[in-house]
Full PDB file with SEQRES, HELIX, SHEET, SSBOND, CRYST1, ORIGX, SCALE, CONECT and MASTER records, all heavy atoms in Angstrom:
SEQRES   1 A   35  ILE LEU VAL GLU ALA ALA GLN ARG LEU ARG THR SER ALA          
SEQRES   2 A   35  GLY ASP ALA PHE LEU ALA ARG ILE GLY GLY ASP GLU PHE          
SEQRES   3 A   35  MET LEU VAL SER GLY ALA LEU GLN THR                          
HELIX    1 AA1 LEU A    2  ALA A   13  1                                  12    
SHEET    1 AA1 2 PHE A  17  GLY A  22  0                                        
SHEET    2 AA1 2 GLU A  25  VAL A  29 -1                                        
CRYST1    1.000    1.000    1.000  90.00  90.00  90.00 P 1           1          
ORIGX1      1.000000  0.000000  0.000000        0.00000                         
ORIGX2      0.000000  1.000000  0.000000        0.00000                         
ORIGX3      0.000000  0.000000  1.000000        0.00000                         
SCALE1      1.000000  0.000000  0.000000        0.00000                         
SCALE2      0.000000  1.000000  0.000000        0.00000                         
SCALE3      0.000000  0.000000  1.000000        0.00000                         
ATOM      1  N   ILE A   1       5.791  -9.424 -11.030  1.00  0.00           N  
ATOM      2  CA  ILE A   1       4.626  -9.561 -10.100  1.00  0.00           C  
ATOM      3  C   ILE A   1       4.664  -8.462  -9.033  1.00  0.00           C  
ATOM      4  O   ILE A   1       3.578  -7.846  -8.799  1.00  0.00           O  
ATOM      5  CB  ILE A   1       4.560 -10.934  -9.544  1.00  0.00           C  
ATOM      6  CG1 ILE A   1       4.310 -11.969 -10.643  1.00  0.00           C  
ATOM      7  CG2 ILE A   1       3.463 -10.960  -8.459  1.00  0.00           C  
ATOM      8  CD1 ILE A   1       3.029 -11.940 -11.311  1.00  0.00           C  
ATOM      9  N   LEU A   2       5.784  -8.204  -8.455  1.00  0.00           N  
ATOM     10  CA  LEU A   2       5.896  -7.220  -7.378  1.00  0.00           C  
ATOM     11  C   LEU A   2       5.630  -5.817  -7.930  1.00  0.00           C  
ATOM     12  O   LEU A   2       4.948  -5.015  -7.253  1.00  0.00           O  
ATOM     13  CB  LEU A   2       7.327  -7.288  -6.799  1.00  0.00           C  
ATOM     14  CG  LEU A   2       7.555  -8.556  -5.962  1.00  0.00           C  
ATOM     15  CD1 LEU A   2       9.052  -8.530  -5.508  1.00  0.00           C  
ATOM     16  CD2 LEU A   2       6.676  -8.622  -4.719  1.00  0.00           C  
ATOM     17  N   VAL A   3       6.085  -5.472  -9.076  1.00  0.00           N  
ATOM     18  CA  VAL A   3       5.874  -4.203  -9.667  1.00  0.00           C  
ATOM     19  C   VAL A   3       4.368  -4.028  -9.952  1.00  0.00           C  
ATOM     20  O   VAL A   3       3.798  -2.936  -9.618  1.00  0.00           O  
ATOM     21  CB  VAL A   3       6.692  -4.013 -10.966  1.00  0.00           C  
ATOM     22  CG1 VAL A   3       6.295  -2.730 -11.722  1.00  0.00           C  
ATOM     23  CG2 VAL A   3       8.141  -3.967 -10.686  1.00  0.00           C  
ATOM     24  N   GLU A   4       3.696  -5.016 -10.538  1.00  0.00           N  
ATOM     25  CA  GLU A   4       2.247  -4.916 -10.743  1.00  0.00           C  
ATOM     26  C   GLU A   4       1.514  -4.822  -9.446  1.00  0.00           C  
ATOM     27  O   GLU A   4       0.555  -4.122  -9.301  1.00  0.00           O  
ATOM     28  CB  GLU A   4       1.813  -6.118 -11.592  1.00  0.00           C  
ATOM     29  CG  GLU A   4       0.271  -6.215 -11.851  1.00  0.00           C  
ATOM     30  CD  GLU A   4      -0.267  -5.054 -12.622  1.00  0.00           C  
ATOM     31  OE1 GLU A   4       0.570  -4.354 -13.296  1.00  0.00           O  
ATOM     32  OE2 GLU A   4      -1.455  -4.832 -12.573  1.00  0.00           O  
ATOM     33  N   ALA A   5       1.906  -5.667  -8.465  1.00  0.00           N  
ATOM     34  CA  ALA A   5       1.235  -5.626  -7.130  1.00  0.00           C  
ATOM     35  C   ALA A   5       1.298  -4.266  -6.545  1.00  0.00           C  
ATOM     36  O   ALA A   5       0.338  -3.784  -5.983  1.00  0.00           O  
ATOM     37  CB  ALA A   5       1.828  -6.678  -6.239  1.00  0.00           C  
ATOM     38  N   ALA A   6       2.443  -3.631  -6.643  1.00  0.00           N  
ATOM     39  CA  ALA A   6       2.651  -2.311  -6.094  1.00  0.00           C  
ATOM     40  C   ALA A   6       1.683  -1.281  -6.786  1.00  0.00           C  
ATOM     41  O   ALA A   6       1.087  -0.412  -6.098  1.00  0.00           O  
ATOM     42  CB  ALA A   6       4.098  -1.851  -6.212  1.00  0.00           C  
ATOM     43  N   GLN A   7       1.531  -1.352  -8.069  1.00  0.00           N  
ATOM     44  CA  GLN A   7       0.694  -0.497  -8.784  1.00  0.00           C  
ATOM     45  C   GLN A   7      -0.802  -0.674  -8.395  1.00  0.00           C  
ATOM     46  O   GLN A   7      -1.541   0.195  -8.167  1.00  0.00           O  
ATOM     47  CB  GLN A   7       0.850  -0.687 -10.323  1.00  0.00           C  
ATOM     48  CG  GLN A   7      -0.002   0.238 -11.145  1.00  0.00           C  
ATOM     49  CD  GLN A   7       0.267   1.653 -10.853  1.00  0.00           C  
ATOM     50  OE1 GLN A   7       1.451   2.079 -10.749  1.00  0.00           O  
ATOM     51  NE2 GLN A   7      -0.788   2.489 -10.669  1.00  0.00           N  
ATOM     52  N   ARG A   8      -1.172  -1.920  -8.166  1.00  0.00           N  
ATOM     53  CA  ARG A   8      -2.545  -2.241  -7.747  1.00  0.00           C  
ATOM     54  C   ARG A   8      -2.788  -1.679  -6.359  1.00  0.00           C  
ATOM     55  O   ARG A   8      -3.870  -1.209  -5.979  1.00  0.00           O  
ATOM     56  CB  ARG A   8      -2.788  -3.678  -7.784  1.00  0.00           C  
ATOM     57  CG  ARG A   8      -2.770  -4.338  -9.132  1.00  0.00           C  
ATOM     58  CD  ARG A   8      -3.293  -5.797  -9.215  1.00  0.00           C  
ATOM     59  NE  ARG A   8      -3.133  -6.288 -10.548  1.00  0.00           N  
ATOM     60  CZ  ARG A   8      -3.686  -7.499 -10.898  1.00  0.00           C  
ATOM     61  NH1 ARG A   8      -4.449  -8.135  -9.979  1.00  0.00           N  
ATOM     62  NH2 ARG A   8      -3.526  -7.980 -12.079  1.00  0.00           N  
ATOM     63  N   LEU A   9      -1.829  -1.797  -5.479  1.00  0.00           N  
ATOM     64  CA  LEU A   9      -1.843  -1.238  -4.171  1.00  0.00           C  
ATOM     65  C   LEU A   9      -2.045   0.262  -4.171  1.00  0.00           C  
ATOM     66  O   LEU A   9      -2.818   0.860  -3.450  1.00  0.00           O  
ATOM     67  CB  LEU A   9      -0.700  -1.628  -3.328  1.00  0.00           C  
ATOM     68  CG  LEU A   9      -0.607  -3.124  -2.876  1.00  0.00           C  
ATOM     69  CD1 LEU A   9       0.677  -3.381  -2.229  1.00  0.00           C  
ATOM     70  CD2 LEU A   9      -1.793  -3.520  -1.988  1.00  0.00           C  
ATOM     71  N   ARG A  10      -1.305   0.939  -5.064  1.00  0.00           N  
ATOM     72  CA  ARG A  10      -1.326   2.414  -5.149  1.00  0.00           C  
ATOM     73  C   ARG A  10      -2.830   2.776  -5.602  1.00  0.00           C  
ATOM     74  O   ARG A  10      -3.408   3.659  -5.052  1.00  0.00           O  
ATOM     75  CB  ARG A  10      -0.458   2.936  -6.264  1.00  0.00           C  
ATOM     76  CG  ARG A  10       1.016   2.997  -5.884  1.00  0.00           C  
ATOM     77  CD  ARG A  10       1.789   3.800  -6.896  1.00  0.00           C  
ATOM     78  NE  ARG A  10       3.250   3.675  -6.707  1.00  0.00           N  
ATOM     79  CZ  ARG A  10       4.025   2.866  -7.339  1.00  0.00           C  
ATOM     80  NH1 ARG A  10       3.496   1.976  -8.206  1.00  0.00           N  
ATOM     81  NH2 ARG A  10       5.300   2.815  -7.041  1.00  0.00           N  
ATOM     82  N   THR A  11      -3.365   2.035  -6.557  1.00  0.00           N  
ATOM     83  CA  THR A  11      -4.631   2.356  -7.075  1.00  0.00           C  
ATOM     84  C   THR A  11      -5.757   2.143  -5.948  1.00  0.00           C  
ATOM     85  O   THR A  11      -6.703   2.997  -5.828  1.00  0.00           O  
ATOM     86  CB  THR A  11      -5.033   1.432  -8.206  1.00  0.00           C  
ATOM     87  OG1 THR A  11      -4.007   1.600  -9.280  1.00  0.00           O  
ATOM     88  CG2 THR A  11      -6.401   1.802  -8.782  1.00  0.00           C  
ATOM     89  N   SER A  12      -5.562   1.211  -5.120  1.00  0.00           N  
ATOM     90  CA  SER A  12      -6.561   0.891  -4.099  1.00  0.00           C  
ATOM     91  C   SER A  12      -6.426   1.644  -2.826  1.00  0.00           C  
ATOM     92  O   SER A  12      -7.373   1.723  -2.069  1.00  0.00           O  
ATOM     93  CB  SER A  12      -6.609  -0.639  -3.821  1.00  0.00           C  
ATOM     94  OG  SER A  12      -5.367  -1.009  -3.276  1.00  0.00           O  
ATOM     95  N   ALA A  13      -5.233   2.186  -2.614  1.00  0.00           N  
ATOM     96  CA  ALA A  13      -4.915   2.735  -1.302  1.00  0.00           C  
ATOM     97  C   ALA A  13      -5.399   4.181  -1.196  1.00  0.00           C  
ATOM     98  O   ALA A  13      -5.458   4.742  -0.047  1.00  0.00           O  
ATOM     99  CB  ALA A  13      -3.469   2.742  -1.071  1.00  0.00           C  
ATOM    100  N   GLY A  14      -5.737   4.888  -2.293  1.00  0.00           N  
ATOM    101  CA  GLY A  14      -6.137   6.265  -2.211  1.00  0.00           C  
ATOM    102  C   GLY A  14      -5.056   7.149  -1.706  1.00  0.00           C  
ATOM    103  O   GLY A  14      -3.952   7.111  -2.221  1.00  0.00           O  
ATOM    104  N   ASP A  15      -5.299   7.958  -0.639  1.00  0.00           N  
ATOM    105  CA  ASP A  15      -4.331   8.845  -0.094  1.00  0.00           C  
ATOM    106  C   ASP A  15      -3.452   8.212   1.053  1.00  0.00           C  
ATOM    107  O   ASP A  15      -2.681   8.899   1.673  1.00  0.00           O  
ATOM    108  CB  ASP A  15      -4.932  10.160   0.439  1.00  0.00           C  
ATOM    109  CG  ASP A  15      -5.902   9.868   1.489  1.00  0.00           C  
ATOM    110  OD1 ASP A  15      -6.201   8.686   1.841  1.00  0.00           O  
ATOM    111  OD2 ASP A  15      -6.421  10.873   2.146  1.00  0.00           O  
ATOM    112  N   ALA A  16      -3.596   6.941   1.198  1.00  0.00           N  
ATOM    113  CA  ALA A  16      -2.822   6.229   2.240  1.00  0.00           C  
ATOM    114  C   ALA A  16      -1.321   6.146   1.845  1.00  0.00           C  
ATOM    115  O   ALA A  16      -0.983   6.249   0.646  1.00  0.00           O  
ATOM    116  CB  ALA A  16      -3.362   4.807   2.445  1.00  0.00           C  
ATOM    117  N   PHE A  17      -0.487   6.028   2.830  1.00  0.00           N  
ATOM    118  CA  PHE A  17       0.948   5.886   2.649  1.00  0.00           C  
ATOM    119  C   PHE A  17       1.302   4.458   2.418  1.00  0.00           C  
ATOM    120  O   PHE A  17       0.888   3.590   3.215  1.00  0.00           O  
ATOM    121  CB  PHE A  17       1.684   6.499   3.847  1.00  0.00           C  
ATOM    122  CG  PHE A  17       3.135   6.430   3.782  1.00  0.00           C  
ATOM    123  CD1 PHE A  17       3.883   7.542   3.317  1.00  0.00           C  
ATOM    124  CD2 PHE A  17       3.850   5.371   4.168  1.00  0.00           C  
ATOM    125  CE1 PHE A  17       5.235   7.505   3.236  1.00  0.00           C  
ATOM    126  CE2 PHE A  17       5.312   5.304   4.163  1.00  0.00           C  
ATOM    127  CZ  PHE A  17       5.940   6.430   3.653  1.00  0.00           C  
ATOM    128  N   LEU A  18       2.046   4.159   1.358  1.00  0.00           N  
ATOM    129  CA  LEU A  18       2.453   2.741   1.103  1.00  0.00           C  
ATOM    130  C   LEU A  18       3.897   2.637   1.161  1.00  0.00           C  
ATOM    131  O   LEU A  18       4.677   3.442   0.680  1.00  0.00           O  
ATOM    132  CB  LEU A  18       1.858   2.357  -0.334  1.00  0.00           C  
ATOM    133  CG  LEU A  18       0.478   1.959  -0.519  1.00  0.00           C  
ATOM    134  CD1 LEU A  18       0.157   1.751  -1.962  1.00  0.00           C  
ATOM    135  CD2 LEU A  18       0.259   0.553   0.243  1.00  0.00           C  
ATOM    136  N   ALA A  19       4.334   1.409   1.632  1.00  0.00           N  
ATOM    137  CA  ALA A  19       5.684   1.051   1.669  1.00  0.00           C  
ATOM    138  C   ALA A  19       5.892  -0.397   1.414  1.00  0.00           C  
ATOM    139  O   ALA A  19       5.047  -1.264   1.783  1.00  0.00           O  
ATOM    140  CB  ALA A  19       6.347   1.394   3.010  1.00  0.00           C  
ATOM    141  N   ARG A  20       7.047  -0.686   0.689  1.00  0.00           N  
ATOM    142  CA  ARG A  20       7.443  -2.121   0.594  1.00  0.00           C  
ATOM    143  C   ARG A  20       8.494  -2.334   1.581  1.00  0.00           C  
ATOM    144  O   ARG A  20       9.560  -1.660   1.584  1.00  0.00           O  
ATOM    145  CB  ARG A  20       7.970  -2.423  -0.882  1.00  0.00           C  
ATOM    146  CG  ARG A  20       8.429  -3.869  -0.989  1.00  0.00           C  
ATOM    147  CD  ARG A  20       9.137  -4.084  -2.351  1.00  0.00           C  
ATOM    148  NE  ARG A  20       9.626  -5.423  -2.487  1.00  0.00           N  
ATOM    149  CZ  ARG A  20      10.644  -5.758  -3.209  1.00  0.00           C  
ATOM    150  NH1 ARG A  20      11.296  -4.881  -3.906  1.00  0.00           N  
ATOM    151  NH2 ARG A  20      11.073  -7.033  -3.294  1.00  0.00           N  
ATOM    152  N   ILE A  21       8.303  -3.266   2.492  1.00  0.00           N  
ATOM    153  CA  ILE A  21       9.222  -3.361   3.645  1.00  0.00           C  
ATOM    154  C   ILE A  21      10.115  -4.635   3.426  1.00  0.00           C  
ATOM    155  O   ILE A  21      10.952  -4.945   4.368  1.00  0.00           O  
ATOM    156  CB  ILE A  21       8.516  -3.421   4.957  1.00  0.00           C  
ATOM    157  CG1 ILE A  21       7.456  -4.567   5.058  1.00  0.00           C  
ATOM    158  CG2 ILE A  21       7.859  -2.129   5.211  1.00  0.00           C  
ATOM    159  CD1 ILE A  21       6.809  -4.685   6.370  1.00  0.00           C  
ATOM    160  N   GLY A  22       9.974  -5.315   2.314  1.00  0.00           N  
ATOM    161  CA  GLY A  22      10.859  -6.495   2.108  1.00  0.00           C  
ATOM    162  C   GLY A  22      10.197  -7.570   1.369  1.00  0.00           C  
ATOM    163  O   GLY A  22       8.956  -7.851   1.675  1.00  0.00           O  
ATOM    164  N   GLY A  23      10.807  -8.181   0.355  1.00  0.00           N  
ATOM    165  CA  GLY A  23      10.252  -9.388  -0.379  1.00  0.00           C  
ATOM    166  C   GLY A  23       8.844  -8.999  -0.865  1.00  0.00           C  
ATOM    167  O   GLY A  23       8.672  -8.057  -1.668  1.00  0.00           O  
ATOM    168  N   ASP A  24       7.888  -9.820  -0.507  1.00  0.00           N  
ATOM    169  CA  ASP A  24       6.469  -9.584  -0.877  1.00  0.00           C  
ATOM    170  C   ASP A  24       5.690  -8.919   0.259  1.00  0.00           C  
ATOM    171  O   ASP A  24       4.471  -9.061   0.326  1.00  0.00           O  
ATOM    172  CB  ASP A  24       5.800 -10.909  -1.343  1.00  0.00           C  
ATOM    173  CG  ASP A  24       5.744 -11.866  -0.124  1.00  0.00           C  
ATOM    174  OD1 ASP A  24       6.646 -11.935   0.671  1.00  0.00           O  
ATOM    175  OD2 ASP A  24       4.769 -12.635  -0.061  1.00  0.00           O  
ATOM    176  N   GLU A  25       6.366  -8.178   1.145  1.00  0.00           N  
ATOM    177  CA  GLU A  25       5.681  -7.631   2.297  1.00  0.00           C  
ATOM    178  C   GLU A  25       5.515  -6.136   2.091  1.00  0.00           C  
ATOM    179  O   GLU A  25       6.400  -5.413   1.731  1.00  0.00           O  
ATOM    180  CB  GLU A  25       6.573  -7.865   3.523  1.00  0.00           C  
ATOM    181  CG  GLU A  25       6.941  -9.340   3.773  1.00  0.00           C  
ATOM    182  CD  GLU A  25       7.963  -9.522   4.832  1.00  0.00           C  
ATOM    183  OE1 GLU A  25       8.426  -8.502   5.395  1.00  0.00           O  
ATOM    184  OE2 GLU A  25       8.399 -10.646   5.020  1.00  0.00           O  
ATOM    185  N   PHE A  26       4.299  -5.643   2.323  1.00  0.00           N  
ATOM    186  CA  PHE A  26       3.958  -4.300   2.196  1.00  0.00           C  
ATOM    187  C   PHE A  26       3.229  -3.746   3.428  1.00  0.00           C  
ATOM    188  O   PHE A  26       2.688  -4.513   4.212  1.00  0.00           O  
ATOM    189  CB  PHE A  26       3.024  -4.126   0.957  1.00  0.00           C  
ATOM    190  CG  PHE A  26       3.530  -4.585  -0.350  1.00  0.00           C  
ATOM    191  CD1 PHE A  26       3.378  -5.884  -0.740  1.00  0.00           C  
ATOM    192  CD2 PHE A  26       4.222  -3.696  -1.175  1.00  0.00           C  
ATOM    193  CE1 PHE A  26       3.987  -6.316  -2.006  1.00  0.00           C  
ATOM    194  CE2 PHE A  26       4.771  -4.104  -2.368  1.00  0.00           C  
ATOM    195  CZ  PHE A  26       4.628  -5.428  -2.768  1.00  0.00           C  
ATOM    196  N   MET A  27       3.324  -2.376   3.603  1.00  0.00           N  
ATOM    197  CA  MET A  27       2.582  -1.815   4.765  1.00  0.00           C  
ATOM    198  C   MET A  27       1.900  -0.570   4.327  1.00  0.00           C  
ATOM    199  O   MET A  27       2.321   0.191   3.344  1.00  0.00           O  
ATOM    200  CB  MET A  27       3.681  -1.394   5.801  1.00  0.00           C  
ATOM    201  CG  MET A  27       3.077  -1.028   7.132  1.00  0.00           C  
ATOM    202  SD  MET A  27       2.638  -2.509   8.091  1.00  0.00           S  
ATOM    203  CE  MET A  27       4.294  -2.967   8.725  1.00  0.00           C  
ATOM    204  N   LEU A  28       0.723  -0.414   4.890  1.00  0.00           N  
ATOM    205  CA  LEU A  28      -0.119   0.753   4.470  1.00  0.00           C  
ATOM    206  C   LEU A  28      -0.422   1.513   5.784  1.00  0.00           C  
ATOM    207  O   LEU A  28      -0.732   0.958   6.760  1.00  0.00           O  
ATOM    208  CB  LEU A  28      -1.423   0.325   3.867  1.00  0.00           C  
ATOM    209  CG  LEU A  28      -2.467   1.327   3.409  1.00  0.00           C  
ATOM    210  CD1 LEU A  28      -3.245   0.805   2.174  1.00  0.00           C  
ATOM    211  CD2 LEU A  28      -3.469   1.568   4.526  1.00  0.00           C  
ATOM    212  N   VAL A  29      -0.281   2.878   5.738  1.00  0.00           N  
ATOM    213  CA  VAL A  29      -0.696   3.688   6.837  1.00  0.00           C  
ATOM    214  C   VAL A  29      -1.776   4.578   6.313  1.00  0.00           C  
ATOM    215  O   VAL A  29      -1.521   5.392   5.430  1.00  0.00           O  
ATOM    216  CB  VAL A  29       0.488   4.508   7.364  1.00  0.00           C  
ATOM    217  CG1 VAL A  29       0.050   5.471   8.468  1.00  0.00           C  
ATOM    218  CG2 VAL A  29       1.667   3.636   7.792  1.00  0.00           C  
ATOM    219  N   SER A  30      -2.978   4.474   6.883  1.00  0.00           N  
ATOM    220  CA  SER A  30      -4.088   5.161   6.354  1.00  0.00           C  
ATOM    221  C   SER A  30      -4.117   6.612   6.756  1.00  0.00           C  
ATOM    222  O   SER A  30      -3.281   7.102   7.623  1.00  0.00           O  
ATOM    223  CB  SER A  30      -5.373   4.455   6.928  1.00  0.00           C  
ATOM    224  OG  SER A  30      -5.544   4.910   8.360  1.00  0.00           O  
ATOM    225  N   GLY A  31      -5.096   7.355   6.256  1.00  0.00           N  
ATOM    226  CA  GLY A  31      -5.403   8.699   6.684  1.00  0.00           C  
ATOM    227  C   GLY A  31      -6.227   8.510   8.006  1.00  0.00           C  
ATOM    228  O   GLY A  31      -6.033   7.567   8.766  1.00  0.00           O  
ATOM    229  N   ALA A  32      -7.098   9.477   8.265  1.00  0.00           N  
ATOM    230  CA  ALA A  32      -7.805   9.481   9.567  1.00  0.00           C  
ATOM    231  C   ALA A  32      -8.990   8.527   9.463  1.00  0.00           C  
ATOM    232  O   ALA A  32     -10.142   8.895   9.160  1.00  0.00           O  
ATOM    233  CB  ALA A  32      -8.298  10.885   9.832  1.00  0.00           C  
ATOM    234  N   LEU A  33      -8.748   7.243   9.778  1.00  0.00           N  
ATOM    235  CA  LEU A  33      -9.744   6.237   9.898  1.00  0.00           C  
ATOM    236  C   LEU A  33     -10.138   5.990  11.266  1.00  0.00           C  
ATOM    237  O   LEU A  33      -9.327   5.662  12.073  1.00  0.00           O  
ATOM    238  CB  LEU A  33      -9.395   4.943   9.228  1.00  0.00           C  
ATOM    239  CG  LEU A  33      -9.014   4.979   7.720  1.00  0.00           C  
ATOM    240  CD1 LEU A  33      -8.656   3.568   7.227  1.00  0.00           C  
ATOM    241  CD2 LEU A  33     -10.175   5.456   6.923  1.00  0.00           C  
ATOM    242  N   GLN A  34     -11.465   6.140  11.598  1.00  0.00           N  
ATOM    243  CA  GLN A  34     -11.867   6.140  13.023  1.00  0.00           C  
ATOM    244  C   GLN A  34     -12.479   4.800  13.414  1.00  0.00           C  
ATOM    245  O   GLN A  34     -12.217   4.264  14.483  1.00  0.00           O  
ATOM    246  CB  GLN A  34     -13.008   7.220  13.251  1.00  0.00           C  
ATOM    247  CG  GLN A  34     -12.446   8.610  13.015  1.00  0.00           C  
ATOM    248  CD  GLN A  34     -11.586   9.133  14.201  1.00  0.00           C  
ATOM    249  OE1 GLN A  34     -11.365   8.456  15.135  1.00  0.00           O  
ATOM    250  NE2 GLN A  34     -11.250  10.394  14.025  1.00  0.00           N  
ATOM    251  N   THR A  35     -13.159   4.127  12.529  1.00  0.00           N  
ATOM    252  CA  THR A  35     -13.940   2.936  12.903  1.00  0.00           C  
ATOM    253  C   THR A  35     -13.405   1.636  12.297  1.00  0.00           C  
ATOM    254  O   THR A  35     -12.618   1.657  11.312  1.00  0.00           O  
ATOM    255  CB  THR A  35     -15.392   3.032  12.497  1.00  0.00           C  
ATOM    256  OG1 THR A  35     -15.472   3.006  11.032  1.00  0.00           O  
ATOM    257  CG2 THR A  35     -15.992   4.405  12.958  1.00  0.00           C  
TER     258      THR A  35                                                      
MASTER        0    0    0    1    2    0    0    6  257    1    0    3          
END                                                                             
């Protein structure tokens, strides 16, 4: 499930930076989002 979830996050995140920080916890850092 975690492997598939990571792949779905990659697909949806575009050029954002993705990290798995533990267990089922993930973090996304976007590009230049203003609003």
